[in-house]
């Protein structure tokens, strides 16, 4: 098990990855890791995640109050958002917040990432809903994300960015990376006329694969609280629920979407 200093180094390394991959500009984004039931490490406010060293990292309690901080470094004002995740999800040991370009574009456009377009995204990430807008640094965002915590491991924050969590820091970061890759593929496929979605039957088979793998975390494969709503793979797919749509139907559907989006 890594000691506290090693975890600080890992936080700095992940921060640099986030910055180098254009997932956070300037001083944006924040990272936290649970040490035990009383102590958490987190990134400071007003510091670029690409240029941190271990002495930058702060230690806080369950309310986000400072236990230890060097010099003028202070915890991110958005630590409240992280602490709500830990409060409601005992299985979570790390949280990552960033502003990845494509994912944040979907968040700004108000479009959840629910189209099942590739097996890996369906198995490992699941649906990614949009949390209603909240003013940064206030309790609005923690309050708004709470209802999603028991059903998802990644969310878009309306007009803000993305939030992911996992059983360790690498796992939480990988979800952020996968989220951005999924969003980019979806965006680019829309530019080509629209993605060909996996059918509900194919999605269910992928859910079965996830169960067989025993992948930790929350996912629509275990429980979907949003049946017949906009945040579910099974509910948002455009193909025939009894099987694959015909090529003609798919073309008509894609054409209709393009015309609608172009307001023609």
Protein backbone atom coordinates (compact mmCIF):
# COMPACT_ATOMS: atom_id res chain seq x y z
CA UNK A 1 0.00 0.00 0.00
CA UNK A 2 1.36 3.43 -0.96
CA UNK A 3 2.31 5.81 1.82
CA UNK A 4 1.11 9.39 2.02
CA UNK A 5 4.09 10.89 0.23
CA UNK A 6 3.82 8.38 -2.61
CA UNK A 7 0.14 9.29 -3.04
CA UNK A 8 1.10 12.97 -3.22
CA UNK A 9 3.55 12.13 -6.01
CA UNK A 10 0.82 10.20 -7.83
CA UNK A 11 -1.59 13.14 -7.52
CA UNK A 12 1.04 15.40 -9.11
CA UNK A 13 1.64 12.89 -11.92
CA UNK A 14 -2.08 12.61 -12.66
CA UNK A 15 -2.39 16.40 -12.52
CA UNK A 16 0.32 16.68 -15.16
CA UNK A 17 -1.44 14.11 -17.36
CA UNK A 18 -4.67 16.08 -17.10
CA UNK A 19 -2.90 19.32 -17.99
CA UNK A 20 -0.86 17.81 -20.83
CA UNK A 21 -3.98 16.24 -22.38
CA UNK A 22 -5.77 19.61 -22.44
CA UNK A 23 -8.28 18.48 -19.86
CA UNK A 24 -7.69 21.58 -17.74
CA UNK A 25 -6.53 25.07 -18.70
CA UNK A 26 -4.52 27.35 -16.42
CA UNK A 27 -5.47 26.50 -12.81
CA UNK A 28 -8.63 24.53 -13.60
CA UNK A 29 -9.50 21.10 -12.22
CA UNK A 30 -8.93 19.36 -8.91
CA UNK A 31 -8.04 15.93 -7.54
CA UNK A 32 -8.57 14.24 -4.19
CA UNK A 33 -7.65 10.90 -2.60
CA UNK A 34 -9.01 9.28 0.55
CA UNK A 35 -6.34 8.23 3.08
CA UNK A 36 -8.70 6.92 5.75
CA UNK A 37 -12.09 7.75 7.26
CA UNK A 38 -10.77 11.02 8.71
CA UNK A 39 -8.18 12.29 6.22
CA UNK A 40 -8.10 13.18 2.53
CA UNK A 41 -5.43 14.65 0.27
CA UNK A 42 -6.43 17.25 -2.31
CA UNK A 43 -4.97 19.67 -4.82
CA UNK A 44 -4.75 23.38 -3.89
CA UNK A 45 -6.64 26.25 -5.39
CA UNK A 46 -4.98 28.71 -7.75
CA UNK A 47 -2.31 26.28 -8.96
CA UNK A 48 -1.89 24.70 -12.39
CA UNK A 49 -2.30 20.94 -12.20
CA UNK A 50 0.59 20.57 -14.64
CA UNK A 51 3.18 22.16 -12.34
CA UNK A 52 2.52 20.73 -8.89
CA UNK A 53 5.03 19.19 -6.52
CA UNK A 54 4.18 17.07 -3.43
CA UNK A 55 4.48 20.02 -1.05
CA UNK A 56 1.55 21.68 -2.84
CA UNK A 57 -0.88 18.95 -1.76
CA UNK A 58 -3.20 19.74 1.17
CA UNK A 59 -4.76 17.46 3.77
CA UNK A 60 -8.37 17.96 4.88
CA UNK A 61 -10.98 16.34 7.10
CA UNK A 62 -14.44 15.05 6.17
CA UNK A 63 -15.84 18.60 6.12
CA UNK A 64 -13.05 19.89 3.90
CA UNK A 65 -11.36 21.74 6.75
CA UNK A 66 -7.58 22.03 6.57
CA UNK A 67 -5.57 19.55 8.61
CA UNK A 68 -2.27 20.42 6.97
CA UNK A 69 -1.17 22.80 4.22
CA UNK A 70 2.23 24.27 3.40
CA UNK A 71 2.63 28.05 3.15
CA UNK A 72 -0.23 29.79 1.38
CA UNK A 73 -1.57 26.68 -0.33
CA UNK A 74 -5.22 26.07 0.42
CA UNK A 75 -7.64 23.32 -0.68
CA UNK A 76 -9.66 23.85 -3.84
CA UNK A 77 -12.91 25.66 -3.16
CA UNK A 78 -14.64 22.76 -4.92
CA UNK A 79 -13.56 20.25 -2.28
CA UNK A 80 -17.22 20.26 -1.15
CA UNK A 81 -18.11 18.44 -4.36
CA UNK A 82 -15.50 15.76 -3.69
CA UNK A 83 -16.55 15.27 -0.09
CA UNK A 84 -20.15 14.66 -1.08
CA UNK A 85 -19.00 11.79 -3.31
CA UNK A 86 -17.03 10.23 -0.44
CA UNK A 87 -19.94 10.72 1.96
CA UNK A 88 -22.41 8.87 -0.27
CA UNK A 89 -20.08 6.27 -1.82
CA UNK A 90 -18.07 4.28 0.71
CA UNK A 91 -16.42 2.33 -2.13
CA UNK A 92 -14.82 5.48 -3.60
CA UNK A 93 -11.23 6.41 -2.73
CA UNK A 94 -10.45 9.05 -5.37
CA UNK A 95 -12.24 11.82 -7.27
CA UNK A 96 -11.11 13.74 -10.36
CA UNK A 97 -12.62 16.96 -11.71
CA UNK A 98 -11.51 18.39 -15.05
CA UNK A 99 -12.66 20.36 -18.08
CA UNK A 100 -11.87 18.03 -21.02
CA UNK A 101 -12.62 19.79 -24.29
CA UNK A 102 -15.07 17.41 -25.98
CA UNK A 103 -16.84 16.23 -22.84
CA UNK A 104 -17.25 19.78 -21.60
CA UNK A 105 -18.61 20.78 -25.01
CA UNK A 106 -21.38 18.21 -24.56
CA UNK A 107 -21.99 19.54 -21.04
CA UNK A 108 -22.30 23.08 -22.40
CA UNK A 109 -24.62 21.90 -25.18
CA UNK A 110 -26.76 20.04 -22.66
CA UNK A 111 -26.26 16.66 -24.34
CA UNK A 112 -25.67 13.63 -22.05
CA UNK A 113 -23.30 10.91 -23.26
CA UNK A 114 -25.75 8.04 -23.55
CA UNK A 115 -25.43 6.81 -27.13
CA UNK A 116 -23.97 3.26 -27.13
CA UNK A 117 -21.38 3.59 -29.89
CA UNK A 118 -18.50 1.34 -28.81
CA UNK A 119 -18.24 -1.74 -26.56
CA UNK A 120 -15.49 -0.41 -24.28
CA UNK A 121 -17.47 2.70 -23.37
CA UNK A 122 -20.59 0.65 -22.64
CA UNK A 123 -18.72 -1.88 -20.49
CA UNK A 124 -16.34 0.31 -18.53
CA UNK A 125 -18.01 3.72 -18.43
CA UNK A 126 -21.73 3.28 -18.96
CA UNK A 127 -24.07 6.20 -19.41
CA UNK A 128 -22.88 9.67 -18.47
CA UNK A 129 -25.72 12.01 -17.43
CA UNK A 130 -25.62 15.78 -17.05
CA UNK A 131 -25.88 17.17 -13.54
CA UNK A 132 -27.99 20.32 -13.34
CA UNK A 133 -26.05 23.58 -13.20
CA UNK A 134 -24.69 24.76 -9.88
CA UNK A 135 -22.55 27.76 -8.97
CA UNK A 136 -18.92 26.67 -8.49
CA UNK A 137 -17.59 26.72 -4.93
CA UNK A 138 -21.10 26.58 -3.43
CA UNK A 139 -23.17 23.71 -2.08
CA UNK A 140 -25.30 23.78 -5.24
CA UNK A 141 -23.07 21.34 -7.13
CA UNK A 142 -22.73 18.81 -4.27
CA UNK A 143 -26.48 18.92 -3.76
CA UNK A 144 -27.15 18.46 -7.47
CA UNK A 145 -24.77 15.52 -7.96
CA UNK A 146 -26.04 13.57 -4.98
CA UNK A 147 -28.95 11.89 -6.78
CA UNK A 148 -26.57 10.54 -9.43
CA UNK A 149 -23.94 9.07 -7.10
CA UNK A 150 -25.63 5.72 -6.50
CA UNK A 151 -26.08 4.99 -10.21
CA UNK A 152 -23.03 6.35 -12.04
CA UNK A 153 -19.25 6.69 -11.77
CA UNK A 154 -18.98 9.66 -14.13
CA UNK A 155 -21.09 12.74 -14.78
CA UNK A 156 -21.00 15.87 -16.88
CA UNK A 157 -21.51 19.12 -14.98
CA UNK A 158 -23.82 21.43 -16.91
CA UNK A 159 -21.85 24.34 -18.44
CA UNK A 160 -18.86 23.38 -16.31
CA UNK A 161 -16.91 20.18 -16.93
CA UNK A 162 -16.80 16.55 -15.83
CA UNK A 163 -16.45 14.59 -12.60
CA UNK A 164 -15.32 10.97 -12.19
CA UNK A 165 -14.62 8.77 -9.20
CA UNK A 166 -13.25 5.30 -8.50
CA UNK A 167 -11.73 2.83 -6.08
CA UNK A 168 -8.29 4.41 -6.53
CA UNK A 169 -6.77 7.43 -8.27
CA UNK A 170 -5.71 5.60 -11.43
CA UNK A 171 -9.21 4.19 -11.80
CA UNK A 172 -10.84 7.60 -11.33
CA UNK A 173 -8.43 9.20 -13.81
CA UNK A 174 -8.92 6.45 -16.41
CA UNK A 175 -12.66 7.12 -16.31
CA UNK A 176 -12.00 10.78 -17.07
CA UNK A 177 -9.73 9.80 -19.96
CA UNK A 178 -12.28 7.31 -21.29
CA UNK A 179 -15.05 9.88 -20.91
CA UNK A 180 -13.18 12.38 -23.06
CA UNK A 181 -12.32 9.74 -25.68
CA UNK A 182 -15.98 8.67 -25.83
CA UNK A 183 -17.09 12.29 -26.21
CA UNK A 184 -14.59 12.95 -28.98
CA UNK A 185 -15.61 9.84 -30.92
CA UNK A 186 -19.27 10.75 -30.58
CA UNK A 187 -18.61 14.30 -31.75
CA UNK A 188 -16.55 13.21 -34.76
CA UNK A 189 -19.01 10.51 -35.77
CA UNK A 190 -21.79 13.10 -35.72
CA UNK A 191 -19.75 15.13 -38.21
CA UNK A 192 -19.81 12.07 -40.49
CA UNK A 193 -23.58 11.89 -40.46
CA UNK A 194 -24.25 10.29 -37.10
CA UNK A 195 -23.03 7.17 -35.27
CA UNK A 196 -24.50 3.73 -35.83
CA UNK A 197 -25.56 2.80 -32.32
CA UNK A 198 -25.37 -0.65 -30.80
CA UNK A 199 -28.77 -2.29 -30.45
CA UNK A 200 -30.43 -2.81 -27.04
CA UNK A 201 -29.69 -6.54 -27.36
CA UNK A 202 -26.02 -5.81 -28.00
CA UNK A 203 -25.94 -3.42 -25.05
CA UNK A 204 -27.42 -6.05 -22.75
CA UNK A 205 -24.77 -8.56 -23.86
CA UNK A 206 -22.08 -6.01 -23.00
CA UNK A 207 -23.72 -5.49 -19.60
CA UNK A 208 -23.45 -9.25 -19.10
CA UNK A 209 -19.75 -9.07 -19.98
CA UNK A 210 -19.30 -6.35 -17.37
CA UNK A 211 -20.95 -8.51 -14.73
CA UNK A 212 -18.77 -11.47 -15.69
CA UNK A 213 -15.65 -9.32 -15.34
CA UNK A 214 -16.74 -8.27 -11.85
CA UNK A 215 -15.82 -4.64 -12.56
CA UNK A 216 -16.26 -2.48 -9.42
CA UNK A 217 -18.33 0.69 -9.29
CA UNK A 218 -21.85 1.70 -10.24
CA UNK A 219 -23.21 1.20 -13.74
CA UNK A 220 -26.53 0.76 -15.59
CA UNK A 221 -25.63 -2.93 -15.80
CA UNK A 222 -26.43 -3.15 -12.08
CA UNK A 223 -29.22 -0.60 -11.79
CA UNK A 224 -30.72 2.14 -13.91
CA UNK A 225 -32.90 4.64 -12.07
CA UNK A 226 -33.76 6.49 -15.23
CA UNK A 227 -35.76 4.08 -17.35
CA UNK A 228 -37.61 5.86 -20.13
CA UNK A 229 -35.44 8.91 -19.49
CA UNK A 230 -32.58 10.70 -21.28
CA UNK A 231 -29.66 9.25 -19.31
CA UNK A 232 -29.89 5.56 -20.18
CA UNK A 233 -28.29 3.51 -22.96
CA UNK A 234 -31.32 1.29 -23.22
CA UNK A 235 -33.71 4.22 -23.40
CA UNK A 236 -31.79 6.56 -25.67
CA UNK A 237 -30.85 4.13 -28.43
CA UNK A 238 -32.52 4.75 -31.78
CA UNK A 239 -32.63 1.20 -33.07
CA UNK A 240 -35.54 -1.21 -32.93
CA UNK A 241 -35.80 -2.62 -29.37
CA UNK A 242 -36.50 -6.06 -30.87
CA UNK A 243 -33.21 -6.13 -32.73
CA UNK A 244 -31.01 -4.26 -35.20
CA UNK A 245 -32.64 -1.57 -37.27
CA UNK A 246 -32.63 -2.01 -40.99
CA UNK A 247 -30.13 -0.02 -43.04
CA UNK A 248 -32.97 2.04 -44.56
CA UNK A 249 -34.38 2.89 -41.14
CA UNK A 250 -30.93 3.82 -39.87
CA UNK A 251 -30.32 6.11 -42.84
CA UNK A 252 -33.70 7.79 -42.32
CA UNK A 253 -32.98 8.25 -38.64
CA UNK A 254 -29.54 9.73 -39.21
CA UNK A 255 -30.83 12.00 -41.99
CA UNK A 256 -33.60 13.24 -39.74
CA UNK A 257 -31.12 14.04 -36.99
CA UNK A 258 -28.80 15.92 -39.30
CA UNK A 259 -31.68 17.97 -40.76
CA UNK A 260 -32.94 18.75 -37.29
CA UNK A 261 -29.50 19.79 -36.02
CA UNK A 262 -28.92 21.99 -39.08
CA UNK A 263 -32.44 23.43 -38.70
CA UNK A 264 -33.18 22.67 -42.38
